[in-house]
Protein backbone atom coordinates (compact mmCIF):
# COMPACT_ATOMS: atom_id res chain seq x y z
CA MET A 1 16.22 9.43 -10.97
CA SER A 2 12.94 8.95 -9.11
CA TRP A 3 12.30 5.69 -7.08
CA LEU A 4 10.42 4.47 -10.01
CA THR A 5 12.18 5.52 -12.60
CA GLY A 6 14.52 3.29 -11.02
CA SER A 7 12.74 0.03 -10.67
CA PRO A 8 13.63 -3.39 -11.81
CA ARG A 9 9.12 -3.51 -12.43
CA ARG A 10 8.53 -2.26 -16.09
CA ILE A 11 5.20 0.27 -16.13
CA GLY A 12 3.29 -1.78 -19.24
CA GLY A 13 0.16 0.49 -19.31
CA LEU A 14 -0.14 3.54 -17.30
CA VAL A 15 -3.64 3.58 -16.98
CA ALA A 16 -6.53 5.61 -15.74
CA GLY A 17 -7.63 4.88 -12.07
CA VAL A 18 -6.13 5.26 -8.23
CA ILE A 19 -3.87 4.04 -6.28
CA VAL A 20 -4.52 0.73 -4.58
CA VAL A 21 -2.77 0.82 -0.95
CA ALA A 22 -3.81 -2.11 1.67
CA GLY A 23 -6.00 -0.83 3.87
CA ALA A 24 -9.42 1.22 4.33
CA LEU A 25 -8.24 3.98 2.44
CA VAL A 26 -11.10 5.02 0.25
CA ALA A 27 -9.61 8.32 -0.94
CA GLY A 28 -10.45 9.98 -4.50
CA GLY A 29 -8.25 10.99 -7.03
CA VAL A 30 -9.41 8.99 -10.26
CA VAL A 31 -7.54 9.67 -13.63
CA HIS A 32 -9.81 8.47 -16.26
CA GLN A 33 -8.22 6.34 -18.74
CA SER A 34 -8.23 8.56 -21.64
CA ALA A 35 -6.05 11.20 -19.85
CA VAL A 36 -2.88 9.16 -19.19
CA ARG A 37 -1.13 7.70 -22.18
CA LYS A 38 0.08 3.81 -22.22
CA ALA A 39 3.71 3.11 -22.53
CA SER A 40 4.49 0.76 -24.34
CA ALA A 41 6.07 -2.45 -23.05
CA SER A 42 9.76 -2.17 -23.39
CA GLU A 43 9.89 1.96 -21.78
CA THR A 44 10.26 2.29 -18.37
CA VAL A 45 8.29 4.72 -15.87
CA GLN A 46 9.91 7.95 -15.60
CA THR A 47 8.88 10.83 -12.70
CA PRO A 48 5.60 12.66 -13.27
CA SER A 49 7.54 15.58 -15.10
CA LEU A 50 9.70 13.89 -17.62
CA MET A 51 5.73 12.11 -18.45
CA GLY A 52 3.48 14.63 -17.49
CA THR A 53 1.39 12.69 -16.99
CA LYS A 54 0.61 11.24 -12.69
CA PRO A 55 1.55 7.56 -12.41
CA VAL A 56 -1.48 5.19 -11.55
CA ALA A 57 -1.60 4.05 -7.79
CA VAL A 58 -3.51 1.34 -5.76
CA ALA A 59 -3.50 1.24 -1.91
CA ILE A 60 -4.71 -2.47 -0.89
CA GLY A 61 -4.49 -2.68 3.07
CA ASP A 62 -6.63 -1.86 6.24
CA SER A 63 -7.82 0.71 8.56
CA ILE A 64 -4.14 2.59 9.09
CA MET A 65 -4.39 2.50 5.32
CA ASP A 66 -7.62 4.02 5.39
CA GLY A 67 -7.56 6.39 8.03
CA HIS A 68 -10.09 5.55 10.32
CA GLY A 69 -10.95 8.60 12.21
CA LEU A 70 -10.29 10.04 10.13
CA THR A 71 -10.78 12.00 6.34
CA ALA A 72 -9.66 9.99 3.65
CA ALA A 73 -7.41 12.73 2.65
CA GLN A 74 -5.50 12.78 6.15
CA ALA A 75 -4.67 9.10 5.41
CA TRP A 76 -1.02 8.17 4.96
CA PRO A 77 -1.96 7.08 1.74
CA ALA A 78 -2.85 9.97 0.42
CA LEU A 79 -0.41 11.81 1.62
CA VAL A 80 2.17 10.52 0.35
CA ALA A 81 0.77 9.91 -3.56
CA LYS A 82 0.53 13.95 -2.53
CA THR A 83 4.34 14.06 -2.08
CA GLN A 84 5.27 11.05 -5.19
CA GLY A 85 2.69 13.27 -7.50
CA TRP A 86 1.16 10.21 -7.96
CA SER A 87 -3.59 9.42 -8.68
CA LEU A 88 -4.69 6.86 -5.90
CA ASP A 89 -7.30 4.71 -5.16
CA ASN A 90 -7.29 3.18 -1.54
CA LEU A 91 -9.45 0.75 -1.58
CA ALA A 92 -8.34 -0.72 2.03
CA SER A 93 -11.33 -1.17 4.40
CA ASP A 94 -11.59 -1.44 8.43
CA GLY A 95 -10.68 -5.09 9.70
CA THR A 96 -9.49 -6.04 6.92
CA GLY A 97 -6.10 -8.52 6.88
CA TYR A 98 -5.31 -11.32 4.61
CA VAL A 99 -7.63 -13.96 6.06
CA GLN A 100 -9.85 -11.78 7.87
CA LEU A 101 -12.57 -10.83 6.65
CA GLY A 102 -12.74 -6.64 7.08
CA ASN A 103 -16.01 -4.60 7.83
CA ASP A 104 -16.91 -4.76 4.34
CA ASP A 105 -16.47 -8.50 4.49
CA ASP A 106 -13.83 -8.10 2.55
CA THR A 107 -10.03 -9.45 2.80
CA PHE A 108 -6.83 -8.21 0.91
CA GLN A 109 -7.26 -11.07 -1.90
CA ALA A 110 -9.98 -9.46 -2.60
CA GLN A 111 -9.00 -6.45 -2.47
CA ALA A 112 -6.45 -7.09 -4.85
CA ASP A 113 -8.97 -8.66 -7.79
CA GLN A 114 -10.29 -5.49 -7.63
CA ALA A 115 -7.27 -3.35 -8.07
CA VAL A 116 -6.72 -5.82 -10.70
CA LYS A 117 -9.44 -4.90 -12.89
CA LEU A 118 -7.51 -0.89 -12.33
CA ASP A 119 -5.24 -1.87 -14.02
CA PRO A 120 -2.69 0.06 -11.88
CA SER A 121 0.71 1.79 -12.54
CA VAL A 122 1.62 1.26 -8.55
CA VAL A 123 0.45 -1.18 -6.02
CA LEU A 124 0.68 0.18 -2.04
CA LEU A 125 0.26 -3.65 0.06
CA SER A 126 0.71 -3.30 3.91
CA GLY A 127 0.75 -5.74 6.74
CA SER A 128 -1.97 -5.54 8.90
CA THR A 129 -2.58 -6.26 12.66
CA ASN A 130 -5.64 -8.05 12.35
CA ASP A 131 -4.79 -11.34 11.33
CA LEU A 132 -3.35 -11.73 14.88
CA GLY A 133 -3.89 -14.46 16.36
CA GLU A 134 -4.76 -16.49 13.16
CA SER A 135 -2.65 -19.73 11.88
CA GLN A 136 0.60 -17.93 10.79
CA THR A 137 0.72 -20.93 7.79
CA GLU A 138 -2.73 -19.82 6.36
CA VAL A 139 -1.27 -16.16 6.71
CA ASP A 140 1.65 -17.09 4.95
CA ALA A 141 -0.76 -18.77 2.14
CA ALA A 142 -2.93 -15.66 1.74
CA THR A 143 0.32 -13.31 1.75
CA ASP A 144 1.44 -15.54 -0.92
CA GLU A 145 -1.50 -15.34 -3.67
CA LEU A 146 -1.48 -11.89 -2.46
CA VAL A 147 1.14 -10.74 -4.18
CA SER A 148 1.50 -13.54 -6.55
CA THR A 149 -2.04 -12.53 -8.11
CA VAL A 150 -0.13 -8.80 -8.12
CA SER A 151 2.30 -9.65 -9.88
CA LYS A 152 0.98 -12.12 -12.26
CA SER A 153 -2.50 -9.86 -13.01
CA LEU A 154 -0.29 -6.61 -13.10
CA PRO A 155 2.92 -7.92 -14.95
CA GLY A 156 3.93 -3.89 -15.60
CA ALA A 157 3.23 -2.32 -12.03
CA VAL A 158 5.57 -1.36 -9.27
CA ILE A 159 4.78 -3.72 -6.24
CA VAL A 160 5.77 -2.01 -2.84
CA GLY A 161 5.32 -3.47 0.18
CA VAL A 162 5.77 -1.40 3.44
CA ASN A 163 5.37 -3.18 6.85
CA THR A 164 2.98 -3.49 9.98
CA PHE A 165 2.54 -0.22 11.54
CA TRP A 166 1.67 -1.17 14.91
CA GLY A 167 1.37 1.61 17.58
CA ASP A 168 3.09 2.94 20.41
CA THR A 169 3.62 -0.25 21.99
CA THR A 170 6.07 -3.22 21.55
CA PRO A 171 4.17 -4.97 18.91
CA PRO A 172 3.59 -8.92 19.39
CA ALA A 173 6.17 -11.29 18.22
CA GLN A 174 3.95 -12.37 15.43
CA VAL A 175 3.95 -8.90 13.78
CA ALA A 176 7.44 -10.45 12.68
CA ALA A 177 6.33 -13.26 11.01
CA ILE A 178 3.87 -11.81 9.42
CA ASP A 179 6.15 -9.08 7.63
CA SER A 180 9.31 -11.83 7.52
CA HIS A 181 6.81 -13.49 4.96
CA PHE A 182 5.27 -10.70 3.86
CA LYS A 183 9.03 -9.16 2.25
CA ALA A 184 10.37 -12.61 1.32
CA ALA A 185 7.35 -12.67 -1.07
CA VAL A 186 7.25 -8.77 -2.27
CA LEU A 187 11.35 -9.26 -2.99
CA ALA A 188 10.79 -13.01 -4.55
CA ALA A 189 7.93 -10.80 -7.31
CA GLY A 190 10.51 -8.38 -8.04
CA GLY A 191 8.67 -5.54 -5.97
CA THR A 192 9.67 -2.62 -3.72
CA TRP A 193 10.36 -3.59 0.10
CA ILE A 194 9.94 -0.31 2.95
CA ASP A 195 10.30 -1.12 6.54
CA VAL A 196 9.80 1.97 8.48
CA GLY A 197 9.95 -0.16 11.97
CA GLN A 198 7.51 1.54 13.95
CA PRO A 199 7.62 5.39 13.86
CA LEU A 200 5.00 5.98 16.09
CA ALA A 201 6.86 4.08 19.10
CA GLY A 202 6.63 5.60 22.62
CA ARG A 203 4.49 7.91 21.10
CA ALA A 204 1.11 7.91 23.02
CA ASP A 205 0.11 10.99 22.17
CA LEU A 206 0.07 10.68 18.09
CA MET A 207 -2.73 7.64 18.79
CA GLN A 208 -6.09 8.02 18.84
CA SER A 209 -8.52 7.52 21.84
CA ASP A 210 -8.50 3.75 20.90
CA ASP A 211 -4.82 3.21 21.29
CA VAL A 212 -5.07 1.36 17.72
CA HIS A 213 -5.29 4.42 14.98
CA PRO A 214 -2.88 7.29 14.57
CA THR A 215 -3.84 11.03 14.84
CA ALA A 216 -3.75 13.45 11.15
CA ALA A 217 -0.27 13.95 13.47
CA GLY A 218 1.02 10.07 13.49
CA GLN A 219 -0.26 9.25 9.84
CA LYS A 220 1.42 12.03 8.82
CA ILE A 221 4.71 11.03 10.76
CA LEU A 222 3.88 7.54 8.41
CA ALA A 223 3.82 9.49 5.58
CA ALA A 224 7.00 11.11 5.98
CA THR A 225 8.59 8.36 7.52
CA ILE A 226 7.50 6.31 3.69
CA SER A 227 8.02 8.69 1.35
CA ALA A 228 11.66 9.28 3.24
CA LYS A 229 12.34 6.20 2.13
CA LEU A 230 10.91 5.94 -1.34
CA ALA A 231 13.04 8.75 -2.40
CA ALA A 232 16.03 6.86 -0.88
């Protein structure tokens, strides 16, 4: 039985769309609504092989999730979606955070509002370091609003929260504070929390020259670590 089948959240409708992952993922894989069967309100989502259709997922996040400096297909959300048999729509964008405006003048909340219109069956959320230095009170409030929007507007969707990625060095203390509140919000909403730690710690060779974004090989390691947690 897959993690999706065993989730306490039920999928009220499998619809066309794309996986929403937090970050700047603008990957393709759109499935038209007519191609995906609606599940009844009392039906628990099955694995893709049992359903005969791909669960629709959306990614909300920042440049780590959108594969900055790489192709959309090399970003970890796209790699995880392929492994899980999901159809993905990546709404992530460079520079975005809970309160920090990104390059597209959006926040995670703006991405969530867009995700709701896609009516996905899975919502991938990930923390961000773009809010470092911002008021923790404001970040926590924005986090609560984000998770609340997804949970209340998409009551049948499975929410998956992933801890903030830092890189190959020791993360600042505020990263733990951001993730602590994020985790509590996701679990309170009945979602699934995935803490992969910092799998690229000490691996400068897996970081791009800016020492902020993973290389293609680094993204593969992130994807494999997250997929392993999903399968656990």
